[in-house]
Amino acid sequence: MDIVQPAGGEPRVNGDYRVRNNELFARRIRLQELLADLRAKADAGEIDSLSEAALRRTERELEEVTLEITVANYGLVRRYVAMFTSKCNEHSEDFESAGKVGLLWAISSYDPSRGPFSSWAFKPIQREVLRAVRDADHPNLNPGDFEKRPAILAAAQAFSADFGVDAPYDYPDIARRAGTTEAQVRRVLDAPRLDSLQASSGAGEEETLWEDRLADPSPSVEDEVLLRFDLRTVSDHGLPSLDARERYVLTRRFGLDGEPEESLHLIGDRLGLSREGVRQIQQKALAKLHVPIAEAACSS
């Protein structure tokens, strides 16, 4: 796949890629329509054995074409992630996982009449990657500063090449080179690390991380899901589409079984995973919930 990054920041793709993408999405839309008809028959109790087999086959084909679209467009994720990391960065895999969540959201919501998919997918991928980068590197930086971070770092590197690596930064000069404000340059280059958030409070079974107690002020995927759909819809139409581990994470994270909600850290201890690993499972599961829940909401 030939992907080009123009000066404006959004990827361009060649004609062959766009034609192939259009074919895949057209096939996905046809499968979704067929699946909706078959599920309507099943809900009405009017499905026979042949139609039931067709339902399972269509579900499998929809998963396969969605995977094919994901693989075909994964270069969009890598291209954006490359703005924030290098191949040797320890967080590269986490950033790509976050970008994949954004890509899945873009696939599930894409309307071919609104333009090329590469443009449509840019914002969801950007949103999820920026969140992961902010969580991993500098949680106190806002997404707007992270958008300018690559240009600021490049300008700082150019400044050091001109005046020497030991020369103190000239913030106005770097801001001019990067096309940003001096305040943004200072926030990016001098951002303090909030390592104290990783410190624990309490002892024994009551021990928790301070970061688990802090609310994220930005609207999240999980906020949107819980605001838009009631628990019955999630349980009846969403959870059956997940695998066992994804169902367990969402059930324990949001207390869907009536038990108290649990932190990512505690769930990770039970599953033998890191906090970030559980967060990625949660994001992937929420992205997968979008289609069946949205279909249920539209049909109700």
C-alpha atoms as a PDB file:
ATOM      1  CA  MET A   1       0.000   0.000   0.000  1.00  0.00           C
ATOM      2  CA  ASP A   2       1.434   3.309  -1.053  1.00  0.00           C
ATOM      3  CA  ILE A   3       0.725   5.932   1.632  1.00  0.00           C
ATOM      4  CA  VAL A   4       2.125   9.455   1.312  1.00  0.00           C
ATOM      5  CA  GLN A   5       2.265  12.014   4.134  1.00  0.00           C
ATOM      6  CA  PRO A   6       1.670  15.501   2.670  1.00  0.00           C
ATOM      7  CA  ALA A   7       2.545  18.799   4.329  1.00  0.00           C
ATOM      8  CA  GLY A   8      -0.986  19.160   5.662  1.00  0.00           C
ATOM      9  CA  GLY A   9      -0.609  16.058   7.824  1.00  0.00           C
ATOM     10  CA  GLU A  10      -3.332  13.750   6.447  1.00  0.00           C
ATOM     11  CA  PRO A  11      -2.298  10.644   4.520  1.00  0.00           C
ATOM     12  CA  ARG A  12      -2.892  10.340   0.795  1.00  0.00           C
ATOM     13  CA  VAL A  13      -3.267   6.948  -0.821  1.00  0.00           C
ATOM     14  CA  ASN A  14      -2.894   5.871  -4.401  1.00  0.00           C
ATOM     15  CA  GLY A  15      -5.800   5.049  -6.714  1.00  0.00           C
ATOM     16  CA  ASP A  16      -5.450   1.254  -6.512  1.00  0.00           C
ATOM     17  CA  TYR A  17      -5.651   1.365  -2.724  1.00  0.00           C
ATOM     18  CA  ARG A  18      -8.750   3.559  -2.792  1.00  0.00           C
ATOM     19  CA  VAL A  19     -10.497   1.274  -5.295  1.00  0.00           C
ATOM     20  CA  ARG A  20      -9.717  -1.771  -3.168  1.00  0.00           C
ATOM     21  CA  ASN A  21     -10.907  -0.010  -0.025  1.00  0.00           C
ATOM     22  CA  ASN A  22     -14.179   0.957  -1.722  1.00  0.00           C
ATOM     23  CA  GLU A  23     -14.730  -2.650  -2.772  1.00  0.00           C
ATOM     24  CA  LEU A  24     -14.137  -3.948   0.751  1.00  0.00           C
ATOM     25  CA  PHE A  25     -16.472  -1.422   2.349  1.00  0.00           C
ATOM     26  CA  ALA A  26     -19.173  -2.069  -0.253  1.00  0.00           C
ATOM     27  CA  ARG A  27     -18.946  -5.775   0.591  1.00  0.00           C
ATOM     28  CA  ARG A  28     -19.068  -5.000   4.318  1.00  0.00           C
ATOM     29  CA  ILE A  29     -22.205  -2.882   3.897  1.00  0.00           C
ATOM     30  CA  ARG A  30     -23.931  -5.660   1.938  1.00  0.00           C
ATOM     31  CA  LEU A  31     -23.057  -8.182   4.657  1.00  0.00           C
ATOM     32  CA  GLN A  32     -24.340  -5.839   7.370  1.00  0.00           C
ATOM     33  CA  GLU A  33     -27.657  -5.437   5.554  1.00  0.00           C
ATOM     34  CA  LEU A  34     -27.998  -9.199   5.066  1.00  0.00           C
ATOM     35  CA  LEU A  35     -27.079  -9.821   8.690  1.00  0.00           C
ATOM     36  CA  ALA A  36     -29.674  -7.311   9.887  1.00  0.00           C
ATOM     37  CA  ASP A  37     -32.389  -9.109   7.899  1.00  0.00           C
ATOM     38  CA  LEU A  38     -31.360 -12.529   9.211  1.00  0.00           C
ATOM     39  CA  ARG A  39     -31.191 -11.307  12.818  1.00  0.00           C
ATOM     40  CA  ALA A  40     -34.634  -9.723  12.461  1.00  0.00           C
ATOM     41  CA  LYS A  41     -36.025 -13.123  11.375  1.00  0.00           C
ATOM     42  CA  ALA A  42     -34.263 -14.816  14.284  1.00  0.00           C
ATOM     43  CA  ASP A  43     -35.664 -12.288  16.791  1.00  0.00           C
ATOM     44  CA  ALA A  44     -39.154 -12.833  15.369  1.00  0.00           C
ATOM     45  CA  GLY A  45     -38.774 -16.615  15.650  1.00  0.00           C
ATOM     46  CA  GLU A  46     -39.187 -17.044  11.881  1.00  0.00           C
ATOM     47  CA  ILE A  47     -35.775 -18.523  11.131  1.00  0.00           C
ATOM     48  CA  ASP A  48     -35.279 -22.074   9.846  1.00  0.00           C
ATOM     49  CA  SER A  49     -32.142 -24.208   9.920  1.00  0.00           C
ATOM     50  CA  LEU A  50     -30.914 -22.983   6.532  1.00  0.00           C
ATOM     51  CA  SER A  51     -31.363 -19.330   7.502  1.00  0.00           C
ATOM     52  CA  GLU A  52     -29.647 -19.956  10.825  1.00  0.00           C
ATOM     53  CA  ALA A  53     -26.664 -21.425   8.990  1.00  0.00           C
ATOM     54  CA  ALA A  54     -26.680 -18.406   6.682  1.00  0.00           C
ATOM     55  CA  LEU A  55     -26.720 -16.136   9.763  1.00  0.00           C
ATOM     56  CA  ARG A  56     -23.607 -17.786  11.219  1.00  0.00           C
ATOM     57  CA  ARG A  57     -21.870 -17.726   7.842  1.00  0.00           C
ATOM     58  CA  THR A  58     -22.673 -14.052   7.336  1.00  0.00           C
ATOM     59  CA  GLU A  59     -21.380 -13.192  10.828  1.00  0.00           C
ATOM     60  CA  ARG A  60     -18.142 -14.984  10.021  1.00  0.00           C
ATOM     61  CA  GLU A  61     -17.823 -13.273   6.636  1.00  0.00           C
ATOM     62  CA  LEU A  62     -18.436  -9.874   8.236  1.00  0.00           C
ATOM     63  CA  GLU A  63     -15.656 -10.511  10.743  1.00  0.00           C
ATOM     64  CA  GLU A  64     -13.340 -11.611   7.931  1.00  0.00           C
ATOM     65  CA  VAL A  65     -13.956  -8.552   5.747  1.00  0.00           C
ATOM     66  CA  THR A  66     -13.581  -6.252   8.760  1.00  0.00           C
ATOM     67  CA  LEU A  67     -10.243  -7.886   9.504  1.00  0.00           C
ATOM     68  CA  GLU A  68      -9.239  -7.491   5.866  1.00  0.00           C
ATOM     69  CA  ILE A  69     -10.098  -3.784   5.990  1.00  0.00           C
ATOM     70  CA  THR A  70      -8.147  -3.423   9.240  1.00  0.00           C
ATOM     71  CA  VAL A  71      -5.054  -5.057   7.767  1.00  0.00           C
ATOM     72  CA  ALA A  72      -5.314  -3.052   4.537  1.00  0.00           C
ATOM     73  CA  ASN A  73      -5.483   0.231   6.459  1.00  0.00           C
ATOM     74  CA  TYR A  74      -3.051  -0.527   9.276  1.00  0.00           C
ATOM     75  CA  GLY A  75      -0.448   1.606   7.555  1.00  0.00           C
ATOM     76  CA  LEU A  76      -2.523   4.639   8.558  1.00  0.00           C
ATOM     77  CA  VAL A  77      -1.961   3.689  12.205  1.00  0.00           C
ATOM     78  CA  ARG A  78       1.762   3.109  11.792  1.00  0.00           C
ATOM     79  CA  ARG A  79       2.137   6.354   9.902  1.00  0.00           C
ATOM     80  CA  TYR A  80       0.556   8.372  12.669  1.00  0.00           C
ATOM     81  CA  VAL A  81       2.312   6.493  15.479  1.00  0.00           C
ATOM     82  CA  ALA A  82       5.665   7.211  13.799  1.00  0.00           C
ATOM     83  CA  MET A  83       5.115  10.903  14.563  1.00  0.00           C
ATOM     84  CA  PHE A  84       5.502  10.186  18.273  1.00  0.00           C
ATOM     85  CA  THR A  85       7.915   7.316  18.584  1.00  0.00           C
ATOM     86  CA  SER A  86      10.718   5.354  17.009  1.00  0.00           C
ATOM     87  CA  LYS A  87      11.052   1.637  16.309  1.00  0.00           C
ATOM     88  CA  CYS A  88      13.030   1.156  19.522  1.00  0.00           C
ATOM     89  CA  ASN A  89      10.554   3.005  21.758  1.00  0.00           C
ATOM     90  CA  GLU A  90       9.258   0.792  24.552  1.00  0.00           C
ATOM     91  CA  HIS A  91       5.722   2.119  24.070  1.00  0.00           C
ATOM     92  CA  SER A  92       5.492   1.551  20.313  1.00  0.00           C
ATOM     93  CA  GLU A  93       3.290  -1.529  20.684  1.00  0.00           C
ATOM     94  CA  ASP A  94       0.945   0.256  23.105  1.00  0.00           C
ATOM     95  CA  PHE A  95       0.634   3.235  20.751  1.00  0.00           C
ATOM     96  CA  GLU A  96      -0.149   0.970  17.801  1.00  0.00           C
ATOM     97  CA  SER A  97      -2.759  -0.896  19.868  1.00  0.00           C
ATOM     98  CA  ALA A  98      -4.413   2.408  20.713  1.00  0.00           C
ATOM     99  CA  GLY A  99      -4.311   3.430  17.054  1.00  0.00           C
ATOM    100  CA  LYS A 100      -5.970   0.161  16.120  1.00  0.00           C
ATOM    101  CA  VAL A 101      -8.858   0.988  18.464  1.00  0.00           C
ATOM    102  CA  GLY A 102      -9.283   4.272  16.607  1.00  0.00           C
ATOM    103  CA  LEU A 103      -9.119   2.434  13.302  1.00  0.00           C
ATOM    104  CA  LEU A 104     -11.862   0.017  14.408  1.00  0.00           C
ATOM    105  CA  TRP A 105     -14.075   2.931  15.407  1.00  0.00           C
ATOM    106  CA  ALA A 106     -13.472   4.516  12.017  1.00  0.00           C
ATOM    107  CA  ILE A 107     -14.341   1.278  10.204  1.00  0.00           C
ATOM    108  CA  SER A 108     -17.577   0.802  12.155  1.00  0.00           C
ATOM    109  CA  SER A 109     -18.749   4.378  11.567  1.00  0.00           C
ATOM    110  CA  TYR A 110     -17.471   5.024   8.022  1.00  0.00           C
ATOM    111  CA  ASP A 111     -19.892   6.439   5.469  1.00  0.00           C
ATOM    112  CA  PRO A 112     -18.400   6.069   1.940  1.00  0.00           C
ATOM    113  CA  SER A 113     -20.400   9.072   0.747  1.00  0.00           C
ATOM    114  CA  ARG A 114     -18.386  11.320   3.091  1.00  0.00           C
ATOM    115  CA  GLY A 115     -15.065  10.950   1.256  1.00  0.00           C
ATOM    116  CA  PRO A 116     -12.013   8.667   1.308  1.00  0.00           C
ATOM    117  CA  PHE A 117     -11.555   6.396   4.303  1.00  0.00           C
ATOM    118  CA  SER A 118      -8.008   7.641   4.987  1.00  0.00           C
ATOM    119  CA  SER A 119      -9.379  11.103   5.767  1.00  0.00           C
ATOM    120  CA  TRP A 120     -12.277   9.701   7.793  1.00  0.00           C
ATOM    121  CA  ALA A 121      -9.970   7.528   9.931  1.00  0.00           C
ATOM    122  CA  PHE A 122      -7.475  10.271  10.741  1.00  0.00           C
ATOM    123  CA  LYS A 123      -9.346  11.811  13.696  1.00  0.00           C
ATOM    124  CA  PRO A 124     -10.274   8.548  15.513  1.00  0.00           C
ATOM    125  CA  ILE A 125      -6.714   7.252  15.144  1.00  0.00           C
ATOM    126  CA  GLN A 126      -5.316  10.588  16.286  1.00  0.00           C
ATOM    127  CA  ARG A 127      -7.603  10.689  19.329  1.00  0.00           C
ATOM    128  CA  GLU A 128      -6.667   7.231  20.602  1.00  0.00           C
ATOM    129  CA  VAL A 129      -2.927   7.542  19.908  1.00  0.00           C
ATOM    130  CA  LEU A 130      -2.735  10.951  21.574  1.00  0.00           C
ATOM    131  CA  ARG A 131      -4.439   9.509  24.629  1.00  0.00           C
ATOM    132  CA  ALA A 132      -1.968   6.619  24.789  1.00  0.00           C
ATOM    133  CA  VAL A 133       1.039   8.883  24.240  1.00  0.00           C
ATOM    134  CA  ARG A 134      -0.161  11.257  26.918  1.00  0.00           C
ATOM    135  CA  ASP A 135      -0.723   8.400  29.378  1.00  0.00           C
ATOM    136  CA  ALA A 136       2.693   6.890  28.713  1.00  0.00           C
ATOM    137  CA  ASP A 137       4.886   9.982  28.465  1.00  0.00           C
ATOM    138  CA  HIS A 138       3.475  13.181  29.952  1.00  0.00           C
ATOM    139  CA  PRO A 139      -0.038  12.877  31.342  1.00  0.00           C
ATOM    140  CA  ASN A 140      -0.095  16.600  32.090  1.00  0.00           C
ATOM    141  CA  LEU A 141       0.209  17.609  28.407  1.00  0.00           C
ATOM    142  CA  ASN A 142      -3.015  18.251  26.520  1.00  0.00           C
ATOM    143  CA  PRO A 143      -3.749  16.740  23.078  1.00  0.00           C
ATOM    144  CA  GLY A 144      -3.214  20.100  21.365  1.00  0.00           C
ATOM    145  CA  ASP A 145       0.371  20.240  22.612  1.00  0.00           C
ATOM    146  CA  PHE A 146       0.941  16.654  21.485  1.00  0.00           C
ATOM    147  CA  GLU A 147      -0.202  17.541  17.987  1.00  0.00           C
ATOM    148  CA  LYS A 148       2.600  20.120  17.874  1.00  0.00           C
ATOM    149  CA  ARG A 149       5.121  17.907  19.660  1.00  0.00           C
ATOM    150  CA  PRO A 150       6.764  16.417  16.519  1.00  0.00           C
ATOM    151  CA  ALA A 151       7.348  19.872  15.022  1.00  0.00           C
ATOM    152  CA  ILE A 152       8.661  21.205  18.334  1.00  0.00           C
ATOM    153  CA  LEU A 153      11.059  18.298  18.819  1.00  0.00           C
ATOM    154  CA  ALA A 154      12.301  18.654  15.229  1.00  0.00           C
ATOM    155  CA  ALA A 155      12.837  22.394  15.758  1.00  0.00           C
ATOM    156  CA  ALA A 156      14.691  21.747  19.015  1.00  0.00           C
ATOM    157  CA  GLN A 157      16.936  19.232  17.254  1.00  0.00           C
ATOM    158  CA  ALA A 158      17.640  21.739  14.488  1.00  0.00           C
ATOM    159  CA  PHE A 159      18.460  24.405  17.095  1.00  0.00           C
ATOM    160  CA  SER A 160      20.925  22.057  18.817  1.00  0.00           C
ATOM    161  CA  ALA A 161      22.527  21.240  15.457  1.00  0.00           C
ATOM    162  CA  ASP A 162      23.040  24.962  14.803  1.00  0.00           C
ATOM    163  CA  PHE A 163      24.243  26.026  18.254  1.00  0.00           C
ATOM    164  CA  GLY A 164      25.516  22.818  19.857  1.00  0.00           C
ATOM    165  CA  VAL A 165      23.893  20.197  22.041  1.00  0.00           C
ATOM    166  CA  ASP A 166      25.029  21.962  25.221  1.00  0.00           C
ATOM    167  CA  ALA A 167      23.494  25.306  24.284  1.00  0.00           C
ATOM    168  CA  PRO A 168      20.460  26.238  26.417  1.00  0.00           C
ATOM    169  CA  TYR A 169      17.229  26.279  24.478  1.00  0.00           C
ATOM    170  CA  ASP A 170      16.128  29.595  22.985  1.00  0.00           C
ATOM    171  CA  TYR A 171      12.373  29.088  23.309  1.00  0.00           C
ATOM    172  CA  PRO A 172      11.308  31.965  21.031  1.00  0.00           C
ATOM    173  CA  ASP A 173      13.689  30.729  18.324  1.00  0.00           C
ATOM    174  CA  ILE A 174      12.384  27.156  18.574  1.00  0.00           C
ATOM    175  CA  ALA A 175       8.785  28.405  18.542  1.00  0.00           C
ATOM    176  CA  ARG A 176       9.507  30.366  15.354  1.00  0.00           C
ATOM    177  CA  ARG A 177      11.064  27.305  13.708  1.00  0.00           C
ATOM    178  CA  ALA A 178       8.155  25.064  14.747  1.00  0.00           C
ATOM    179  CA  GLY A 179       5.406  27.556  13.971  1.00  0.00           C
ATOM    180  CA  THR A 180       4.015  27.321  17.515  1.00  0.00           C
ATOM    181  CA  THR A 181       3.788  29.543  20.568  1.00  0.00           C
ATOM    182  CA  GLU A 182       6.609  29.886  23.072  1.00  0.00           C
ATOM    183  CA  ALA A 183       4.273  28.579  25.777  1.00  0.00           C
ATOM    184  CA  GLN A 184       3.706  25.365  23.807  1.00  0.00           C
ATOM    185  CA  VAL A 185       7.453  24.926  23.350  1.00  0.00           C
ATOM    186  CA  ARG A 186       8.003  25.258  27.095  1.00  0.00           C
ATOM    187  CA  ARG A 187       5.206  22.831  27.936  1.00  0.00           C
ATOM    188  CA  VAL A 188       6.567  20.187  25.571  1.00  0.00           C
ATOM    189  CA  LEU A 189      10.303  20.539  26.245  1.00  0.00           C
ATOM    190  CA  ASP A 190      10.028  21.137  29.992  1.00  0.00           C
ATOM    191  CA  ALA A 191       7.027  18.959  30.791  1.00  0.00           C
ATOM    192  CA  PRO A 192       7.457  17.536  34.312  1.00  0.00           C
ATOM    193  CA  ARG A 193       7.087  13.809  34.781  1.00  0.00           C
ATOM    194  CA  LEU A 194       4.318  12.864  37.201  1.00  0.00           C
ATOM    195  CA  ASP A 195       6.046   9.747  38.492  1.00  0.00           C
ATOM    196  CA  SER A 196       4.335  10.189  41.854  1.00  0.00           C
ATOM    197  CA  LEU A 197       1.098   8.982  40.249  1.00  0.00           C
ATOM    198  CA  GLN A 198       2.653   5.516  40.148  1.00  0.00           C
ATOM    199  CA  ALA A 199       3.139   5.582  43.932  1.00  0.00           C
ATOM    200  CA  SER A 200       0.730   3.413  45.880  1.00  0.00           C
ATOM    201  CA  SER A 201      -1.432   4.348  48.809  1.00  0.00           C
ATOM    202  CA  GLY A 202      -2.607   2.036  51.542  1.00  0.00           C
ATOM    203  CA  ALA A 203      -1.233  -1.378  52.288  1.00  0.00           C
ATOM    204  CA  GLY A 204      -2.010  -4.994  51.574  1.00  0.00           C
ATOM    205  CA  GLU A 205      -5.290  -5.636  49.783  1.00  0.00           C
ATOM    206  CA  GLU A 206      -6.264  -1.967  50.118  1.00  0.00           C
ATOM    207  CA  GLU A 207      -3.219  -0.772  48.159  1.00  0.00           C
ATOM    208  CA  THR A 208      -4.163   1.249  45.067  1.00  0.00           C
ATOM    209  CA  LEU A 209      -2.417   3.534  42.606  1.00  0.00           C
ATOM    210  CA  TRP A 210      -3.111   7.259  42.826  1.00  0.00           C
ATOM    211  CA  GLU A 211      -3.671   7.350  39.046  1.00  0.00           C
ATOM    212  CA  ASP A 212      -6.620   4.971  39.491  1.00  0.00           C
ATOM    213  CA  ARG A 213      -8.255   7.622  41.696  1.00  0.00           C
ATOM    214  CA  LEU A 214      -7.911  10.498  39.241  1.00  0.00           C
ATOM    215  CA  ALA A 215     -10.746  11.185  36.798  1.00  0.00           C
ATOM    216  CA  ASP A 216      -9.895  11.857  33.161  1.00  0.00           C
ATOM    217  CA  PRO A 217     -11.565  15.208  32.291  1.00  0.00           C
ATOM    218  CA  SER A 218     -11.822  14.385  28.576  1.00  0.00           C
ATOM    219  CA  PRO A 219     -14.871  12.489  27.224  1.00  0.00           C
ATOM    220  CA  SER A 220     -13.960   8.831  26.845  1.00  0.00           C
ATOM    221  CA  VAL A 221     -15.187   5.917  24.762  1.00  0.00           C
ATOM    222  CA  GLU A 222     -16.586   4.225  27.839  1.00  0.00           C
ATOM    223  CA  ASP A 223     -18.451   7.403  28.866  1.00  0.00           C
ATOM    224  CA  GLU A 224     -20.173   7.517  25.490  1.00  0.00           C
ATOM    225  CA  VAL A 225     -21.153   3.849  25.674  1.00  0.00           C
ATOM    226  CA  LEU A 226     -22.561   4.076  29.179  1.00  0.00           C
ATOM    227  CA  LEU A 227     -24.421   7.327  28.503  1.00  0.00           C
ATOM    228  CA  ARG A 228     -26.027   6.231  25.258  1.00  0.00           C
ATOM    229  CA  PHE A 229     -27.040   2.675  26.029  1.00  0.00           C
ATOM    230  CA  ASP A 230     -28.603   1.088  29.111  1.00  0.00           C
ATOM    231  CA  LEU A 231     -27.162  -1.977  30.774  1.00  0.00           C
ATOM    232  CA  ARG A 232     -29.819  -4.281  29.347  1.00  0.00           C
ATOM    233  CA  THR A 233     -28.870  -3.356  25.777  1.00  0.00           C
ATOM    234  CA  VAL A 234     -25.185  -3.856  26.571  1.00  0.00           C
ATOM    235  CA  SER A 235     -25.838  -7.247  28.173  1.00  0.00           C
ATOM    236  CA  ASP A 236     -28.315  -8.536  25.577  1.00  0.00           C
ATOM    237  CA  HIS A 237     -26.718  -7.271  22.361  1.00  0.00           C
ATOM    238  CA  GLY A 238     -23.150  -6.215  23.136  1.00  0.00           C
ATOM    239  CA  LEU A 239     -21.510  -8.702  25.500  1.00  0.00           C
ATOM    240  CA  PRO A 240     -22.333 -11.805  23.391  1.00  0.00           C
ATOM    241  CA  SER A 241     -20.151 -10.316  20.610  1.00  0.00           C
ATOM    242  CA  LEU A 242     -17.055 -10.359  22.863  1.00  0.00           C
ATOM    243  CA  ASP A 243     -14.702 -13.151  23.802  1.00  0.00           C
ATOM    244  CA  ALA A 244     -14.529 -14.423  27.402  1.00  0.00           C
ATOM    245  CA  ARG A 245     -11.639 -12.191  28.503  1.00  0.00           C
ATOM    246  CA  GLU A 246     -13.187  -9.041  27.004  1.00  0.00           C
ATOM    247  CA  ARG A 247     -16.519  -9.790  28.712  1.00  0.00           C
ATOM    248  CA  TYR A 248     -14.748 -10.327  32.036  1.00  0.00           C
ATOM    249  CA  VAL A 249     -12.834  -7.027  31.791  1.00  0.00           C
ATOM    250  CA  LEU A 250     -15.940  -4.947  30.963  1.00  0.00           C
ATOM    251  CA  THR A 251     -18.079  -6.721  33.540  1.00  0.00           C
ATOM    252  CA  ARG A 252     -15.579  -6.122  36.348  1.00  0.00           C
ATOM    253  CA  ARG A 253     -14.535  -2.633  35.173  1.00  0.00           C
ATOM    254  CA  PHE A 254     -18.085  -1.230  35.078  1.00  0.00           C
ATOM    255  CA  GLY A 255     -19.828  -3.535  37.549  1.00  0.00           C
ATOM    256  CA  LEU A 256     -22.210  -4.949  34.935  1.00  0.00           C
ATOM    257  CA  ASP A 257     -22.964  -7.914  37.213  1.00  0.00           C
ATOM    258  CA  GLY A 258     -24.070  -5.666  40.077  1.00  0.00           C
ATOM    259  CA  GLU A 259     -20.779  -5.974  41.957  1.00  0.00           C
ATOM    260  CA  PRO A 260     -18.583  -2.908  42.733  1.00  0.00           C
ATOM    261  CA  GLU A 261     -16.505  -1.534  39.865  1.00  0.00           C
ATOM    262  CA  GLU A 262     -12.822  -2.464  39.923  1.00  0.00           C
ATOM    263  CA  SER A 263      -9.683  -0.603  38.834  1.00  0.00           C
ATOM    264  CA  LEU A 264      -7.536  -1.584  35.859  1.00  0.00           C
ATOM    265  CA  HIS A 265      -4.735  -2.391  38.288  1.00  0.00           C
ATOM    266  CA  LEU A 266      -6.820  -4.893  40.292  1.00  0.00           C
ATOM    267  CA  ILE A 267      -8.222  -6.588  37.180  1.00  0.00           C
ATOM    268  CA  GLY A 268      -4.699  -6.833  35.770  1.00  0.00           C
ATOM    269  CA  ASP A 269      -3.476  -8.593  38.918  1.00  0.00           C
ATOM    270  CA  ARG A 270      -6.189 -11.214  38.497  1.00  0.00           C
ATOM    271  CA  LEU A 271      -5.459 -11.787  34.815  1.00  0.00           C
ATOM    272  CA  GLY A 272      -1.681 -11.591  35.118  1.00  0.00           C
ATOM    273  CA  LEU A 273      -1.566  -8.488  32.911  1.00  0.00           C
ATOM    274  CA  SER A 274      -0.234  -4.954  33.267  1.00  0.00           C
ATOM    275  CA  ARG A 275      -2.601  -2.036  33.837  1.00  0.00           C
ATOM    276  CA  GLU A 276      -1.945  -0.903  30.256  1.00  0.00           C
ATOM    277  CA  GLY A 277      -2.670  -4.414  28.953  1.00  0.00           C
ATOM    278  CA  VAL A 278      -6.095  -4.394  30.627  1.00  0.00           C
ATOM    279  CA  ARG A 279      -6.786  -0.898  29.288  1.00  0.00           C
ATOM    280  CA  GLN A 280      -6.084  -2.084  25.739  1.00  0.00           C
ATOM    281  CA  ILE A 281      -8.477  -5.044  26.172  1.00  0.00           C
ATOM    282  CA  GLN A 282     -11.103  -2.625  27.498  1.00  0.00           C
ATOM    283  CA  GLN A 283     -10.712  -0.260  24.541  1.00  0.00           C
ATOM    284  CA  LYS A 284     -10.832  -3.089  22.018  1.00  0.00           C
ATOM    285  CA  ALA A 285     -13.952  -4.532  23.643  1.00  0.00           C
ATOM    286  CA  LEU A 286     -15.703  -1.154  23.681  1.00  0.00           C
ATOM    287  CA  ALA A 287     -14.864  -0.659  20.010  1.00  0.00           C
ATOM    288  CA  LYS A 288     -16.371  -4.064  19.204  1.00  0.00           C
ATOM    289  CA  LEU A 289     -19.529  -3.184  21.153  1.00  0.00           C
ATOM    290  CA  HIS A 290     -20.266  -0.222  18.907  1.00  0.00           C
ATOM    291  CA  VAL A 291     -21.792  -2.111  15.974  1.00  0.00           C
ATOM    292  CA  PRO A 292     -24.157  -4.561  17.723  1.00  0.00           C
ATOM    293  CA  ILE A 293     -25.343  -1.944  20.238  1.00  0.00           C
ATOM    294  CA  ALA A 294     -25.860   0.710  17.566  1.00  0.00           C
ATOM    295  CA  GLU A 295     -27.879  -1.784  15.497  1.00  0.00           C
ATOM    296  CA  ALA A 296     -29.993  -2.628  18.550  1.00  0.00           C
ATOM    297  CA  ALA A 297     -30.593   1.061  19.253  1.00  0.00           C
ATOM    298  CA  CYS A 298     -31.665   1.709  15.656  1.00  0.00           C
ATOM    299  CA  SER A 299     -34.068  -1.223  15.619  1.00  0.00           C
ATOM    300  CA  SER A 300     -35.691  -0.344  18.950  1.00  0.00           C
END
